[in-house]
Amino acid sequence: MIGSELKLTVLHGLLSGPKRFNELRVATGMCQSSLAKTLKELEDSGIAERKVHLDRPVAVEYRLSPMGQGLFEMIRDLERWAARWVMEGRTREVTQ
């Protein structure tokens, strides 16, 4: 359900709160089609929710569902693990 790097990137973007599509596109650096596909997959699995605001122009906002919010601590733990083991390892390899 969240195994791809793209899904984790989008989830990370949504951790700080609801985002409009273009905000997520800028935050993640993903192309429009990849982001749309990834958001659709997260919606289909129940992890993200889509809300349409009928303002002019119409705006679409994405947020974590209650199920997605349950991933918050796990994602933070992964970030801490990566900071310790992945990023430190890269620094060590470069400096040796």
N, C-alpha and C. Protein backbone atom coordinates (compact mmCIF):
# COMPACT_ATOMS: atom_id res chain seq x y z
N MET A 1 0.81 -1.20 0.00
CA MET A 1 0.00 0.00 0.00
C MET A 1 0.84 1.26 0.00
N ILE A 2 1.99 1.25 0.67
CA ILE A 2 2.84 2.43 0.72
C ILE A 2 4.29 2.10 0.35
N GLY A 3 4.50 0.99 -0.33
CA GLY A 3 5.85 0.50 -0.55
C GLY A 3 6.70 1.28 -1.53
N SER A 4 6.12 2.12 -2.36
CA SER A 4 6.93 2.81 -3.35
C SER A 4 7.49 4.12 -2.80
N GLU A 5 8.60 4.53 -3.36
CA GLU A 5 9.23 5.78 -2.96
C GLU A 5 8.30 6.96 -3.25
N LEU A 6 7.57 6.89 -4.36
CA LEU A 6 6.67 7.99 -4.71
C LEU A 6 5.57 8.15 -3.67
N LYS A 7 5.02 7.04 -3.21
CA LYS A 7 3.95 7.12 -2.20
C LYS A 7 4.49 7.69 -0.90
N LEU A 8 5.67 7.27 -0.50
CA LEU A 8 6.26 7.81 0.73
C LEU A 8 6.55 9.30 0.59
N THR A 9 6.96 9.72 -0.60
CA THR A 9 7.22 11.13 -0.85
C THR A 9 5.95 11.95 -0.70
N VAL A 10 4.84 11.46 -1.27
CA VAL A 10 3.57 12.16 -1.16
C VAL A 10 3.07 12.15 0.28
N LEU A 11 3.18 11.02 0.95
CA LEU A 11 2.77 10.95 2.36
C LEU A 11 3.54 11.95 3.20
N HIS A 12 4.82 12.05 2.95
CA HIS A 12 5.65 13.01 3.68
C HIS A 12 5.14 14.43 3.43
N GLY A 13 4.76 14.71 2.19
CA GLY A 13 4.22 16.03 1.87
C GLY A 13 2.91 16.34 2.56
N LEU A 14 2.13 15.31 2.86
CA LEU A 14 0.83 15.50 3.50
C LEU A 14 0.89 15.47 5.03
N LEU A 15 2.03 15.11 5.59
CA LEU A 15 2.13 15.01 7.04
C LEU A 15 1.88 16.35 7.74
N SER A 16 2.25 17.44 7.08
CA SER A 16 2.10 18.75 7.70
C SER A 16 0.69 19.33 7.54
N GLY A 17 -0.17 18.61 6.83
CA GLY A 17 -1.55 19.07 6.68
C GLY A 17 -2.01 19.02 5.24
N PRO A 18 -3.27 19.40 5.01
CA PRO A 18 -3.84 19.34 3.66
C PRO A 18 -3.06 20.20 2.67
N LYS A 19 -2.98 19.71 1.44
CA LYS A 19 -2.28 20.44 0.38
C LYS A 19 -3.10 20.39 -0.90
N ARG A 20 -3.03 21.46 -1.66
CA ARG A 20 -3.61 21.44 -3.00
C ARG A 20 -2.65 20.70 -3.92
N PHE A 21 -3.19 20.27 -5.06
CA PHE A 21 -2.41 19.47 -5.99
C PHE A 21 -1.09 20.16 -6.35
N ASN A 22 -1.16 21.42 -6.74
CA ASN A 22 0.06 22.11 -7.16
C ASN A 22 1.05 22.31 -6.02
N GLU A 23 0.55 22.49 -4.81
CA GLU A 23 1.45 22.57 -3.65
C GLU A 23 2.21 21.26 -3.49
N LEU A 24 1.51 20.15 -3.65
CA LEU A 24 2.16 18.84 -3.54
C LEU A 24 3.15 18.63 -4.69
N ARG A 25 2.78 19.07 -5.87
CA ARG A 25 3.67 18.91 -7.03
C ARG A 25 4.99 19.63 -6.79
N VAL A 26 4.91 20.85 -6.29
CA VAL A 26 6.12 21.62 -5.99
C VAL A 26 6.90 20.98 -4.84
N ALA A 27 6.20 20.61 -3.77
CA ALA A 27 6.86 20.04 -2.59
C ALA A 27 7.56 18.72 -2.88
N THR A 28 6.97 17.91 -3.75
CA THR A 28 7.54 16.58 -4.02
C THR A 28 8.48 16.57 -5.22
N GLY A 29 8.34 17.56 -6.11
CA GLY A 29 9.15 17.59 -7.33
C GLY A 29 8.70 16.57 -8.36
N MET A 30 7.52 16.01 -8.17
CA MET A 30 7.01 14.98 -9.08
C MET A 30 6.33 15.62 -10.29
N CYS A 31 6.36 14.92 -11.41
CA CYS A 31 5.62 15.41 -12.57
C CYS A 31 4.13 15.22 -12.31
N GLN A 32 3.32 15.94 -13.05
CA GLN A 32 1.87 15.95 -12.84
C GLN A 32 1.25 14.57 -12.96
N SER A 33 1.64 13.82 -13.98
CA SER A 33 1.03 12.50 -14.18
C SER A 33 1.40 11.51 -13.08
N SER A 34 2.65 11.52 -12.65
CA SER A 34 3.07 10.62 -11.56
C SER A 34 2.38 10.96 -10.26
N LEU A 35 2.26 12.25 -9.98
CA LEU A 35 1.59 12.67 -8.75
C LEU A 35 0.12 12.30 -8.78
N ALA A 36 -0.54 12.53 -9.91
CA ALA A 36 -1.96 12.18 -10.03
C ALA A 36 -2.18 10.68 -9.82
N LYS A 37 -1.33 9.87 -10.45
CA LYS A 37 -1.44 8.41 -10.31
C LYS A 37 -1.20 7.97 -8.87
N THR A 38 -0.20 8.54 -8.23
CA THR A 38 0.14 8.18 -6.86
C THR A 38 -0.98 8.59 -5.90
N LEU A 39 -1.52 9.79 -6.08
CA LEU A 39 -2.62 10.23 -5.24
C LEU A 39 -3.85 9.34 -5.41
N LYS A 40 -4.13 8.95 -6.63
CA LYS A 40 -5.26 8.06 -6.90
C LYS A 40 -5.07 6.73 -6.18
N GLU A 41 -3.87 6.18 -6.22
CA GLU A 41 -3.59 4.91 -5.54
C GLU A 41 -3.74 5.06 -4.02
N LEU A 42 -3.27 6.19 -3.47
CA LEU A 42 -3.41 6.43 -2.04
C LEU A 42 -4.88 6.61 -1.65
N GLU A 43 -5.65 7.24 -2.52
CA GLU A 43 -7.10 7.37 -2.27
C GLU A 43 -7.77 6.00 -2.31
N ASP A 44 -7.46 5.23 -3.33
CA ASP A 44 -8.08 3.91 -3.50
C ASP A 44 -7.80 3.00 -2.31
N SER A 45 -6.63 3.16 -1.69
CA SER A 45 -6.27 2.31 -0.55
C SER A 45 -6.79 2.88 0.77
N GLY A 46 -7.39 4.07 0.73
CA GLY A 46 -7.96 4.65 1.94
C GLY A 46 -7.00 5.46 2.78
N ILE A 47 -5.80 5.72 2.27
CA ILE A 47 -4.78 6.42 3.04
C ILE A 47 -4.91 7.94 2.88
N ALA A 48 -5.35 8.40 1.73
CA ALA A 48 -5.52 9.83 1.47
C ALA A 48 -6.97 10.11 1.07
N GLU A 49 -7.37 11.34 1.28
CA GLU A 49 -8.71 11.79 0.91
C GLU A 49 -8.60 13.00 -0.01
N ARG A 50 -9.54 13.10 -0.90
CA ARG A 50 -9.59 14.19 -1.87
C ARG A 50 -10.83 15.02 -1.59
N LYS A 51 -10.65 16.34 -1.53
CA LYS A 51 -11.79 17.23 -1.30
C LYS A 51 -11.79 18.29 -2.39
N VAL A 52 -12.93 18.45 -3.05
CA VAL A 52 -13.07 19.44 -4.11
C VAL A 52 -13.74 20.68 -3.53
N HIS A 53 -13.08 21.83 -3.69
CA HIS A 53 -13.64 23.11 -3.28
C HIS A 53 -14.21 23.77 -4.53
N LEU A 54 -15.48 24.11 -4.49
CA LEU A 54 -16.15 24.65 -5.67
C LEU A 54 -15.97 26.16 -5.82
N ASP A 55 -14.83 26.66 -5.38
CA ASP A 55 -14.50 28.07 -5.58
C ASP A 55 -14.22 28.29 -7.07
N ARG A 56 -13.98 29.54 -7.42
CA ARG A 56 -13.55 29.85 -8.78
C ARG A 56 -12.11 30.29 -8.71
N PRO A 57 -11.16 29.63 -9.28
CA PRO A 57 -11.29 28.35 -9.96
C PRO A 57 -11.46 27.20 -8.97
N VAL A 58 -11.97 26.09 -9.47
CA VAL A 58 -12.17 24.91 -8.64
C VAL A 58 -10.81 24.45 -8.12
N ALA A 59 -10.75 24.12 -6.85
CA ALA A 59 -9.51 23.66 -6.23
C ALA A 59 -9.71 22.28 -5.64
N VAL A 60 -8.70 21.45 -5.76
CA VAL A 60 -8.73 20.11 -5.19
C VAL A 60 -7.66 20.04 -4.11
N GLU A 61 -8.06 19.57 -2.96
CA GLU A 61 -7.17 19.48 -1.81
C GLU A 61 -7.06 18.02 -1.38
N TYR A 62 -5.87 17.64 -0.96
CA TYR A 62 -5.62 16.28 -0.49
C TYR A 62 -5.18 16.33 0.95
N ARG A 63 -5.59 15.33 1.71
CA ARG A 63 -5.20 15.22 3.11
C ARG A 63 -5.09 13.74 3.46
N LEU A 64 -4.42 13.47 4.56
CA LEU A 64 -4.37 12.10 5.06
C LEU A 64 -5.72 11.75 5.68
N SER A 65 -6.19 10.56 5.40
CA SER A 65 -7.40 10.05 6.05
C SER A 65 -7.03 9.65 7.48
N PRO A 66 -8.00 9.29 8.29
CA PRO A 66 -7.65 8.78 9.62
C PRO A 66 -6.69 7.58 9.53
N MET A 67 -6.89 6.72 8.53
CA MET A 67 -5.97 5.59 8.35
C MET A 67 -4.57 6.09 8.02
N GLY A 68 -4.48 7.09 7.15
CA GLY A 68 -3.19 7.67 6.78
C GLY A 68 -2.51 8.36 7.94
N GLN A 69 -3.30 9.02 8.78
CA GLN A 69 -2.73 9.70 9.95
C GLN A 69 -2.12 8.69 10.91
N GLY A 70 -2.63 7.47 10.88
CA GLY A 70 -2.06 6.41 11.72
C GLY A 70 -0.64 6.03 11.32
N LEU A 71 -0.23 6.45 10.12
CA LEU A 71 1.12 6.16 9.64
C LEU A 71 2.14 7.20 10.11
N PHE A 72 1.66 8.29 10.72
CA PHE A 72 2.52 9.41 11.07
C PHE A 72 3.77 8.98 11.83
N GLU A 73 3.59 8.27 12.93
CA GLU A 73 4.75 7.88 13.75
C GLU A 73 5.69 6.93 13.00
N MET A 74 5.12 6.02 12.21
CA MET A 74 5.96 5.10 11.46
C MET A 74 6.83 5.85 10.45
N ILE A 75 6.25 6.83 9.79
CA ILE A 75 7.01 7.61 8.81
C ILE A 75 8.09 8.42 9.50
N ARG A 76 7.78 9.00 10.64
CA ARG A 76 8.79 9.74 11.41
C ARG A 76 9.91 8.80 11.86
N ASP A 77 9.56 7.58 12.27
CA ASP A 77 10.58 6.60 12.64
C ASP A 77 11.48 6.25 11.46
N LEU A 78 10.89 6.09 10.28
CA LEU A 78 11.69 5.83 9.07
C LEU A 78 12.63 6.99 8.76
N GLU A 79 12.15 8.21 8.94
CA GLU A 79 13.00 9.39 8.72
C GLU A 79 14.19 9.39 9.67
N ARG A 80 13.92 9.09 10.94
CA ARG A 80 15.01 9.05 11.92
C ARG A 80 16.00 7.94 11.59
N TRP A 81 15.48 6.78 11.17
CA TRP A 81 16.34 5.67 10.80
C TRP A 81 17.21 6.06 9.61
N ALA A 82 16.60 6.67 8.60
CA ALA A 82 17.35 7.07 7.41
C ALA A 82 18.40 8.12 7.75
N ALA A 83 18.05 9.07 8.60
CA ALA A 83 19.00 10.10 8.99
C ALA A 83 20.21 9.48 9.68
N ARG A 84 19.96 8.46 10.47
CA ARG A 84 21.07 7.84 11.20
C ARG A 84 21.89 6.90 10.34
N TRP A 85 21.23 6.02 9.60
CA TRP A 85 21.93 4.95 8.92
C TRP A 85 22.21 5.21 7.45
N VAL A 86 21.32 5.86 6.78
CA VAL A 86 21.51 6.08 5.34
C VAL A 86 22.34 7.33 5.10
N MET A 87 21.92 8.44 5.69
CA MET A 87 22.62 9.70 5.45
C MET A 87 24.01 9.68 6.08
N GLU A 88 24.15 9.12 7.29
CA GLU A 88 25.48 9.01 7.90
C GLU A 88 26.39 8.14 7.05
N GLY A 89 25.85 7.06 6.53
CA GLY A 89 26.63 6.16 5.69
C GLY A 89 27.13 6.85 4.44
N ARG A 90 26.31 7.67 3.82
CA ARG A 90 26.73 8.40 2.62
C ARG A 90 27.82 9.40 2.95
N THR A 91 27.68 10.07 4.10
CA THR A 91 28.69 11.04 4.52
C THR A 91 30.01 10.32 4.75
N ARG A 92 29.94 9.17 5.43
CA ARG A 92 31.14 8.41 5.72
C ARG A 92 31.82 7.97 4.43
N GLU A 93 31.05 7.50 3.46
CA GLU A 93 31.62 7.02 2.20
C GLU A 93 32.31 8.15 1.45
N VAL A 94 31.76 9.34 1.51
CA VAL A 94 32.33 10.47 0.78
C VAL A 94 33.61 10.94 1.43
N THR A 95 33.67 10.92 2.76
CA THR A 95 34.82 11.46 3.46
C THR A 95 35.98 10.48 3.57
N GLN A 96 35.75 9.23 3.32
CA GLN A 96 36.84 8.24 3.47
C GLN A 96 37.81 8.29 2.34
